[in-house]
Amino acid sequence: MMGAENMKRLAIAFLCSAIIPLADAVNACPLLRHGVPADRVSVLARGFNADGWINDKPSPPSPGLLLQLRKEGMTHVRLPVPAEPIMLRFTSKADQKARLEAVDDAITTLVSLGYAASIDLHPGERFNRLHRQEPAAAMEAMKDASRELAKIMRRHPADRVFAELLNEPDIDAERWQSEVEELSVYVRQLLPRTTMIVGPVNWQRPDSLPGFRPLSDLNVVYAIHFYDPMVFTHQGHWDPKDPLHDIRGLPYPIRAEDPEVQKLRQRLADENREKALAMLDRAVPDERIDRWLEPAVAWQQQFSRPIIVNEFGVLKAGAPRESRLRWLSSVTSYAERQCWGWAHWELSQGFGLLDDKSGRIDSEALKALLGNRPSRGSTNAGQLHNR
């Protein structure tokens, strides 16, 4: 936990430093009509997930690291909050209290450094099992967690803190549609001015968004996750039983004539890695990033709602470095052409933005994300008209 005096020094240092200028409008951005204040759309522009901050053994980023990333151009931190420790069905009051205090401290730190924070209710398998098997009990648990998190969020500026109702709901689309409509009404009563973030089922893939109807509440941002092609982004998978564990060195873009692809294919065939080989063959040739994301573009054109890609990334264990950087740059440049916000998954673990040896920011990965493109500022977000 950071002391009050250190927090004050860092906040002053940030305000006295070269604060990130707001950019001119990007004319390619679509004109939307919705109820999200323009400054909130703007502040979601560029961010990262701080996974692990609110865990049993928390590993919060250092204030100095957060300050450096803010100066570099990051505006938003998505804070995954494990759901079960917030739900009394799965935890004790004492443990719940400790976890909520950690959330409060994290928001205080982030807001003092000039970030917006989205509080992501991030369930594990225990809740997901309950959600699939006992709908009424799961809804009660979600409402209980939302109520407790709302008590914390109300202590902070409503224009700097976002409420993400549930990460990657693991149920069928129609049931989630009904549930999120009910849950959003409940949360709106608790947080009248807060912008909510919601997404579809099926890991929140872009091609799942067309089956999701926007809520009647207009103060909502819609979140998608992007990891395609997974044979590239998840190569070198941490689970030895996963076929993706056997794939390493696969370049991006994936082209059958690429000697590296041919070499990898031959190795998998020689080692009888049939499942991995089949996954590779299905991905050749791969789709372009814009083709994967087109369903979300079409959905936005139909419903005129703001979108954020608040998870995307490449596992570092097996991917060629230059290919990883190329993929990251392609995703963020495409998102920014659509005026979508983005939040990289994640900061300091397997997909992270830190160098594994030094623990410092990987400057090339950061440049791939941010590029030389100007950050989206309030003038640009002003094109996103509110009703």
Protein backbone atom coordinates (compact mmCIF):
# COMPACT_ATOMS: atom_id res chain seq x y z
CA MET A 1 0.00 0.00 0.00
CA MET A 2 1.40 3.42 -0.90
CA GLY A 3 1.60 6.01 1.87
CA ALA A 4 -0.35 9.25 1.62
CA GLU A 5 2.80 11.37 1.44
CA ASN A 6 4.26 9.32 -1.40
CA MET A 7 0.94 9.48 -3.21
CA LYS A 8 0.97 13.25 -2.89
CA ARG A 9 4.54 13.53 -4.20
CA LEU A 10 3.75 11.34 -7.19
CA ALA A 11 0.61 13.27 -8.01
CA ILE A 12 2.52 16.57 -7.88
CA ALA A 13 5.31 15.09 -9.98
CA PHE A 14 2.80 13.98 -12.55
CA LEU A 15 1.06 17.35 -12.72
CA CYS A 16 4.38 19.16 -13.02
CA SER A 17 5.66 16.84 -15.72
CA ALA A 18 4.92 16.97 -19.40
CA ILE A 19 1.29 15.98 -19.23
CA ILE A 20 0.17 14.14 -22.32
CA PRO A 21 -1.33 16.62 -24.79
CA LEU A 22 -4.76 16.03 -26.21
CA ALA A 23 -4.66 15.38 -29.94
CA ASP A 24 -6.59 16.85 -32.80
CA ALA A 25 -9.55 14.97 -34.16
CA VAL A 26 -9.02 11.98 -36.40
CA ASN A 27 -11.41 12.53 -39.25
CA ALA A 28 -11.87 8.82 -39.90
CA CYS A 29 -13.66 8.36 -36.58
CA PRO A 30 -17.34 7.50 -36.92
CA LEU A 31 -20.03 9.84 -35.70
CA LEU A 32 -21.90 8.01 -32.95
CA ARG A 33 -24.91 8.78 -30.84
CA HIS A 34 -24.91 7.44 -27.30
CA GLY A 35 -24.99 8.59 -23.70
CA VAL A 36 -21.37 8.17 -22.67
CA PRO A 37 -19.75 11.53 -21.90
CA ALA A 38 -17.09 12.38 -24.47
CA ASP A 39 -14.33 12.73 -21.89
CA ARG A 40 -14.99 9.17 -20.71
CA VAL A 41 -14.75 7.78 -24.23
CA SER A 42 -11.49 9.67 -24.58
CA VAL A 43 -9.93 8.44 -21.36
CA LEU A 44 -10.46 4.79 -22.36
CA ALA A 45 -8.27 5.37 -25.41
CA ARG A 46 -5.09 3.54 -24.43
CA GLY A 47 -4.53 1.22 -21.52
CA PHE A 48 -3.41 -2.06 -20.05
CA ASN A 49 -4.70 -4.73 -17.70
CA ALA A 50 -3.10 -4.79 -14.24
CA ASP A 51 -3.83 -8.45 -13.61
CA GLY A 52 -2.53 -9.73 -10.28
CA TRP A 53 -2.96 -6.51 -8.33
CA ILE A 54 -6.00 -7.74 -6.39
CA ASN A 55 -4.98 -11.40 -6.02
CA ASP A 56 -4.34 -13.48 -2.89
CA LYS A 57 -0.67 -12.59 -3.17
CA PRO A 58 -0.99 -9.17 -4.77
CA SER A 59 1.71 -7.85 -7.05
CA PRO A 60 0.76 -4.22 -7.69
CA PRO A 61 2.80 -2.26 -10.21
CA SER A 62 5.21 0.17 -8.61
CA PRO A 63 4.03 3.80 -8.54
CA GLY A 64 7.10 4.75 -10.55
CA LEU A 65 6.22 2.27 -13.29
CA LEU A 66 2.63 3.49 -13.39
CA LEU A 67 3.80 7.09 -13.61
CA GLN A 68 6.19 6.27 -16.46
CA LEU A 69 3.46 4.50 -18.44
CA ARG A 70 1.14 7.44 -17.87
CA LYS A 71 3.75 9.85 -19.22
CA GLU A 72 4.30 7.59 -22.23
CA GLY A 73 0.63 7.90 -23.20
CA MET A 74 -1.40 5.33 -21.27
CA THR A 75 -4.70 6.74 -20.04
CA HIS A 76 -6.58 3.80 -18.57
CA VAL A 77 -5.98 0.74 -16.38
CA ARG A 78 -8.33 -2.21 -16.40
CA LEU A 79 -8.25 -3.75 -12.94
CA PRO A 80 -9.35 -7.41 -12.95
CA VAL A 81 -10.96 -8.10 -9.57
CA PRO A 82 -11.34 -11.84 -8.84
CA ALA A 83 -15.07 -12.31 -8.38
CA GLU A 84 -15.19 -15.11 -5.82
CA PRO A 85 -13.32 -13.19 -3.07
CA ILE A 86 -15.93 -10.44 -3.38
CA MET A 87 -18.87 -12.86 -3.18
CA LEU A 88 -19.81 -14.06 0.31
CA ARG A 89 -21.01 -17.30 -1.22
CA PHE A 90 -17.33 -18.13 -1.79
CA THR A 91 -15.47 -16.20 0.92
CA SER A 92 -15.61 -14.83 4.46
CA LYS A 93 -16.50 -11.27 5.44
CA ALA A 94 -12.95 -10.67 6.62
CA ASP A 95 -11.45 -11.80 3.31
CA GLN A 96 -14.03 -9.81 1.37
CA LYS A 97 -13.21 -6.69 3.38
CA ALA A 98 -9.48 -7.09 2.73
CA ARG A 99 -10.02 -7.52 -1.00
CA LEU A 100 -12.32 -4.49 -1.20
CA GLU A 101 -9.77 -2.37 0.65
CA ALA A 102 -7.18 -3.43 -1.93
CA VAL A 103 -9.52 -2.29 -4.70
CA ASP A 104 -10.03 1.05 -2.96
CA ASP A 105 -6.27 1.56 -2.58
CA ALA A 106 -5.67 0.66 -6.23
CA ILE A 107 -8.28 3.14 -7.49
CA THR A 108 -6.83 5.85 -5.24
CA THR A 109 -3.36 5.25 -6.68
CA LEU A 110 -4.53 5.20 -10.29
CA VAL A 111 -6.71 8.30 -10.07
CA SER A 112 -3.93 10.23 -8.30
CA LEU A 113 -1.64 9.49 -11.25
CA GLY A 114 -4.14 10.67 -13.83
CA TYR A 115 -5.55 7.33 -14.94
CA ALA A 116 -9.08 6.15 -15.37
CA ALA A 117 -9.76 2.73 -13.85
CA SER A 118 -12.27 0.14 -14.96
CA ILE A 119 -13.23 -2.29 -12.22
CA ASP A 120 -13.62 -5.65 -13.93
CA LEU A 121 -15.56 -8.35 -12.06
CA HIS A 122 -13.38 -11.24 -13.22
CA PRO A 123 -14.75 -14.70 -12.26
CA GLY A 124 -12.93 -17.98 -11.95
CA GLU A 125 -14.18 -21.50 -12.49
CA ARG A 126 -16.12 -21.66 -9.20
CA PHE A 127 -18.41 -18.82 -10.17
CA ASN A 128 -18.57 -19.93 -13.80
CA ARG A 129 -19.77 -23.36 -12.69
CA LEU A 130 -22.41 -21.77 -10.49
CA HIS A 131 -23.39 -19.47 -13.35
CA ARG A 132 -23.94 -22.37 -15.73
CA GLN A 133 -25.81 -24.56 -13.23
CA GLU A 134 -27.73 -22.22 -10.90
CA PRO A 135 -28.86 -19.04 -12.64
CA ALA A 136 -30.75 -17.54 -9.70
CA ALA A 137 -27.88 -18.10 -7.26
CA ALA A 138 -25.40 -16.67 -9.75
CA MET A 139 -27.48 -13.54 -10.25
CA GLU A 140 -27.67 -13.05 -6.50
CA ALA A 141 -23.89 -13.43 -6.26
CA MET A 142 -23.31 -10.91 -9.07
CA LYS A 143 -25.62 -8.40 -7.43
CA ASP A 144 -23.94 -8.87 -4.05
CA ALA A 145 -20.51 -8.32 -5.57
CA SER A 146 -21.72 -5.30 -7.54
CA ARG A 147 -23.20 -3.77 -4.41
CA GLU A 148 -19.96 -4.11 -2.46
CA LEU A 149 -17.82 -2.81 -5.31
CA ALA A 150 -20.22 0.12 -5.78
CA LYS A 151 -19.60 1.19 -2.18
CA ILE A 152 -15.92 1.51 -3.04
CA MET A 153 -16.44 3.14 -6.42
CA ARG A 154 -18.69 5.84 -4.96
CA ARG A 155 -15.70 7.16 -3.01
CA HIS A 156 -14.00 8.17 -6.27
CA PRO A 157 -14.85 10.53 -9.15
CA ALA A 158 -17.56 9.04 -11.33
CA ASP A 159 -15.82 10.25 -14.48
CA ARG A 160 -12.63 8.31 -13.65
CA VAL A 161 -13.99 4.92 -12.58
CA PHE A 162 -15.89 2.47 -14.79
CA ALA A 163 -17.94 -0.55 -13.73
CA GLU A 164 -17.37 -3.65 -15.86
CA LEU A 165 -20.22 -5.97 -14.97
CA LEU A 166 -18.69 -9.39 -15.76
CA ASN A 167 -15.70 -10.65 -17.69
CA GLU A 168 -16.36 -13.27 -20.40
CA PRO A 169 -19.74 -14.62 -19.24
CA ASP A 170 -19.69 -18.40 -19.67
CA ILE A 171 -23.34 -19.04 -20.55
CA ASP A 172 -25.45 -18.96 -23.72
CA ALA A 173 -26.09 -15.67 -25.47
CA GLU A 174 -29.82 -15.28 -24.87
CA ARG A 175 -29.54 -16.02 -21.17
CA TRP A 176 -26.73 -13.52 -20.77
CA GLN A 177 -28.73 -10.94 -22.70
CA SER A 178 -31.55 -11.24 -20.19
CA GLU A 179 -29.24 -11.32 -17.18
CA VAL A 180 -27.14 -8.34 -18.17
CA GLU A 181 -30.24 -6.27 -18.77
CA GLU A 182 -31.38 -7.06 -15.23
CA LEU A 183 -27.92 -6.61 -13.72
CA SER A 184 -27.32 -3.28 -15.44
CA VAL A 185 -30.55 -1.85 -14.03
CA TYR A 186 -29.45 -2.95 -10.56
CA VAL A 187 -26.00 -1.40 -10.94
CA ARG A 188 -27.43 1.81 -12.37
CA GLN A 189 -29.45 2.26 -9.17
CA LEU A 190 -26.24 1.93 -7.17
CA LEU A 191 -24.11 4.09 -9.47
CA PRO A 192 -26.35 6.63 -11.22
CA ARG A 193 -23.52 8.52 -12.97
CA THR A 194 -21.01 5.74 -13.62
CA THR A 195 -20.30 4.46 -17.13
CA MET A 196 -20.74 0.70 -17.33
CA ILE A 197 -18.79 -1.72 -19.53
CA VAL A 198 -20.40 -4.90 -20.84
CA GLY A 199 -19.63 -7.49 -23.49
CA PRO A 200 -21.04 -10.59 -25.20
CA VAL A 201 -20.48 -14.29 -24.47
CA ASN A 202 -18.01 -16.67 -26.16
CA TRP A 203 -14.92 -14.99 -24.69
CA GLN A 204 -16.27 -11.65 -25.92
CA ARG A 205 -15.02 -12.33 -29.42
CA PRO A 206 -15.73 -9.68 -32.06
CA ASP A 207 -17.87 -12.16 -33.99
CA SER A 208 -20.05 -12.63 -30.89
CA LEU A 209 -20.99 -8.95 -30.75
CA PRO A 210 -23.56 -9.12 -33.61
CA GLY A 211 -25.66 -11.46 -31.44
CA PHE A 212 -25.68 -9.00 -28.55
CA ARG A 213 -28.33 -6.30 -28.32
CA PRO A 214 -27.22 -2.98 -26.82
CA LEU A 215 -28.79 -2.07 -23.51
CA SER A 216 -31.46 0.58 -23.18
CA ASP A 217 -29.08 2.39 -20.83
CA LEU A 218 -27.05 4.72 -23.06
CA ASN A 219 -24.18 5.29 -20.62
CA VAL A 220 -22.47 2.01 -21.56
CA VAL A 221 -19.29 1.06 -23.43
CA TYR A 222 -19.17 -2.34 -25.15
CA ALA A 223 -16.07 -4.52 -24.69
CA ILE A 224 -14.64 -7.11 -27.02
CA HIS A 225 -11.54 -9.31 -26.63
CA PHE A 226 -9.21 -10.17 -29.47
CA TYR A 227 -6.64 -12.99 -29.71
CA ASP A 228 -6.87 -14.13 -33.33
CA PRO A 229 -5.32 -16.16 -34.76
CA MET A 230 -4.94 -18.05 -31.49
CA VAL A 231 -2.45 -20.43 -33.05
CA PHE A 232 -0.19 -17.37 -33.19
CA THR A 233 -1.16 -15.43 -30.05
CA HIS A 234 -1.18 -18.47 -27.73
CA GLN A 235 1.74 -20.46 -29.19
CA GLY A 236 4.01 -21.82 -26.48
CA HIS A 237 0.94 -22.25 -24.27
CA TRP A 238 1.68 -22.73 -20.56
CA ASP A 239 -0.26 -26.02 -20.38
CA PRO A 240 1.82 -28.91 -21.80
CA LYS A 241 -1.43 -30.74 -22.59
CA ASP A 242 -2.65 -27.97 -24.88
CA PRO A 243 -1.69 -28.51 -28.55
CA LEU A 244 -0.63 -24.86 -28.70
CA HIS A 245 2.19 -25.72 -26.31
CA ASP A 246 3.90 -27.57 -29.18
CA ILE A 247 3.79 -24.58 -31.53
CA ARG A 248 6.70 -22.16 -31.26
CA GLY A 249 8.34 -19.80 -33.67
CA LEU A 250 5.23 -19.28 -35.80
CA PRO A 251 5.54 -15.89 -37.55
CA TYR A 252 2.81 -13.35 -38.24
CA PRO A 253 1.28 -13.00 -40.75
CA ILE A 254 0.95 -16.74 -41.29
CA ARG A 255 1.74 -17.70 -44.88
CA ALA A 256 2.08 -21.28 -46.18
CA GLU A 257 5.06 -20.37 -48.36
CA ASP A 258 6.99 -18.85 -45.44
CA PRO A 259 10.06 -21.06 -44.77
CA GLU A 260 9.54 -20.72 -41.03
CA VAL A 261 5.97 -21.98 -41.36
CA GLN A 262 7.12 -24.87 -43.54
CA LYS A 263 9.86 -25.76 -41.05
CA LEU A 264 7.42 -25.69 -38.13
CA ARG A 265 4.91 -27.79 -40.03
CA GLN A 266 7.57 -30.40 -40.80
CA ARG A 267 8.66 -30.56 -37.15
CA LEU A 268 5.09 -31.07 -35.95
CA ALA A 269 4.59 -33.82 -38.54
CA ASP A 270 7.85 -35.54 -37.56
CA GLU A 271 6.86 -35.46 -33.88
CA ASN A 272 3.31 -36.71 -34.60
CA ARG A 273 1.80 -33.56 -33.07
CA GLU A 274 -1.40 -34.11 -35.02
CA LYS A 275 -3.65 -31.71 -33.09
CA ALA A 276 -1.13 -28.89 -33.25
CA LEU A 277 -0.55 -29.55 -36.96
CA ALA A 278 -4.29 -29.44 -37.65
CA MET A 279 -4.56 -26.09 -35.81
CA LEU A 280 -1.70 -24.69 -37.86
CA ASP A 281 -3.16 -25.90 -41.15
CA ARG A 282 -6.55 -24.35 -40.32
CA ALA A 283 -4.82 -21.02 -39.79
CA VAL A 284 -3.01 -20.96 -43.16
CA PRO A 285 -3.48 -18.50 -44.68
CA ASP A 286 -4.70 -16.40 -41.78
CA GLU A 287 -7.38 -13.75 -42.04
CA ARG A 288 -6.44 -10.09 -41.92
CA ILE A 289 -7.01 -8.33 -38.62
CA ASP A 290 -9.63 -6.09 -40.19
CA ARG A 291 -11.57 -9.13 -41.39
CA TRP A 292 -11.67 -10.56 -37.87
CA LEU A 293 -12.84 -7.26 -36.46
CA GLU A 294 -15.37 -6.44 -39.18
CA PRO A 295 -18.32 -7.91 -37.23
CA ALA A 296 -17.73 -5.38 -34.45
CA VAL A 297 -17.46 -2.55 -36.96
CA ALA A 298 -20.78 -3.56 -38.52
CA TRP A 299 -22.41 -3.80 -35.08
CA GLN A 300 -21.19 -0.32 -34.20
CA GLN A 301 -22.51 1.07 -37.47
CA GLN A 302 -25.89 -0.49 -36.76
CA PHE A 303 -26.27 0.53 -33.12
CA SER A 304 -24.02 3.59 -32.78
CA ARG A 305 -22.39 2.57 -29.49
CA PRO A 306 -18.79 3.02 -28.30
CA ILE A 307 -16.47 0.00 -28.28
CA ILE A 308 -13.28 -0.89 -26.42
CA VAL A 309 -10.95 -3.83 -27.13
CA ASN A 310 -10.07 -4.29 -23.48
CA GLU A 311 -8.15 -7.56 -23.87
CA PHE A 312 -5.68 -8.46 -26.59
CA GLY A 313 -2.11 -9.67 -26.59
CA VAL A 314 0.46 -12.29 -27.60
CA LEU A 315 2.02 -14.83 -25.25
CA LYS A 316 5.75 -14.13 -25.24
CA ALA A 317 6.92 -17.69 -24.61
CA GLY A 318 6.80 -18.95 -28.19
CA ALA A 319 6.10 -16.05 -30.55
CA PRO A 320 8.88 -14.50 -32.65
CA ARG A 321 9.50 -11.07 -31.24
CA GLU A 322 9.15 -9.08 -34.46
CA SER A 323 5.92 -10.89 -35.30
CA ARG A 324 4.50 -10.13 -31.87
CA LEU A 325 5.34 -6.45 -32.24
CA ARG A 326 3.82 -6.39 -35.73
CA TRP A 327 0.57 -7.98 -34.47
CA LEU A 328 0.29 -5.57 -31.52
CA SER A 329 0.80 -2.56 -33.75
CA SER A 330 -1.76 -3.84 -36.24
CA VAL A 331 -4.42 -4.24 -33.55
CA THR A 332 -3.99 -0.85 -31.92
CA SER A 333 -3.69 1.07 -35.18
CA TYR A 334 -6.88 -0.58 -36.45
CA ALA A 335 -8.71 0.08 -33.17
CA GLU A 336 -7.69 3.72 -33.21
CA ARG A 337 -8.84 4.14 -36.80
CA GLN A 338 -12.26 3.06 -35.54
CA CYS A 339 -11.93 5.34 -32.48
CA TRP A 340 -12.11 2.31 -30.21
CA GLY A 341 -10.32 2.34 -26.91
CA TRP A 342 -7.94 -0.51 -26.11
CA ALA A 343 -6.34 -2.15 -23.08
CA HIS A 344 -3.47 -4.58 -23.58
CA TRP A 345 -3.51 -7.92 -21.76
CA GLU A 346 -1.47 -7.51 -19.58
CA LEU A 347 1.44 -5.75 -17.84
CA SER A 348 3.91 -8.03 -16.11
CA GLN A 349 3.13 -11.70 -16.75
CA GLY A 350 3.19 -14.03 -19.76
CA PHE A 351 1.66 -11.53 -22.18
CA GLY A 352 3.19 -8.54 -20.43
CA LEU A 353 4.87 -5.31 -21.42
CA LEU A 354 7.85 -5.68 -19.11
CA ASP A 355 11.17 -7.20 -20.05
CA ASP A 356 11.39 -10.60 -18.35
CA LYS A 357 15.03 -10.13 -17.32
CA SER A 358 15.22 -6.50 -16.24
CA GLY A 359 11.62 -5.98 -15.12
CA ARG A 360 11.62 -2.67 -16.99
CA ILE A 361 9.23 -1.54 -19.67
CA ASP A 362 9.87 -3.18 -23.03
CA SER A 363 10.25 0.02 -25.03
CA GLU A 364 9.75 -1.73 -28.38
CA ALA A 365 6.50 -3.36 -27.24
CA LEU A 366 5.28 -0.02 -25.93
CA LYS A 367 6.18 1.67 -29.20
CA ALA A 368 4.35 -1.05 -31.12
CA LEU A 369 1.21 -0.28 -29.12
CA LEU A 370 1.44 3.48 -29.16
CA GLY A 371 3.25 3.98 -32.46
CA ASN A 372 3.71 7.52 -33.64
CA ARG A 373 -0.01 8.07 -33.71
CA PRO A 374 -1.38 10.94 -31.63
CA SER A 375 -3.45 9.89 -28.65
CA ARG A 376 -7.18 10.36 -28.89
CA GLY A 377 -8.13 13.40 -26.89
CA SER A 378 -11.28 15.25 -25.99
CA THR A 379 -11.47 17.02 -29.33
CA ASN A 380 -11.59 13.72 -31.12
CA ALA A 381 -13.99 12.18 -28.65
CA GLY A 382 -16.20 15.18 -29.19
CA GLN A 383 -17.18 13.61 -32.50
CA LEU A 384 -18.88 10.89 -30.48
CA HIS A 385 -22.06 12.84 -29.94
CA ASN A 386 -24.17 12.21 -26.85
CA ARG A 387 -27.90 12.10 -26.85
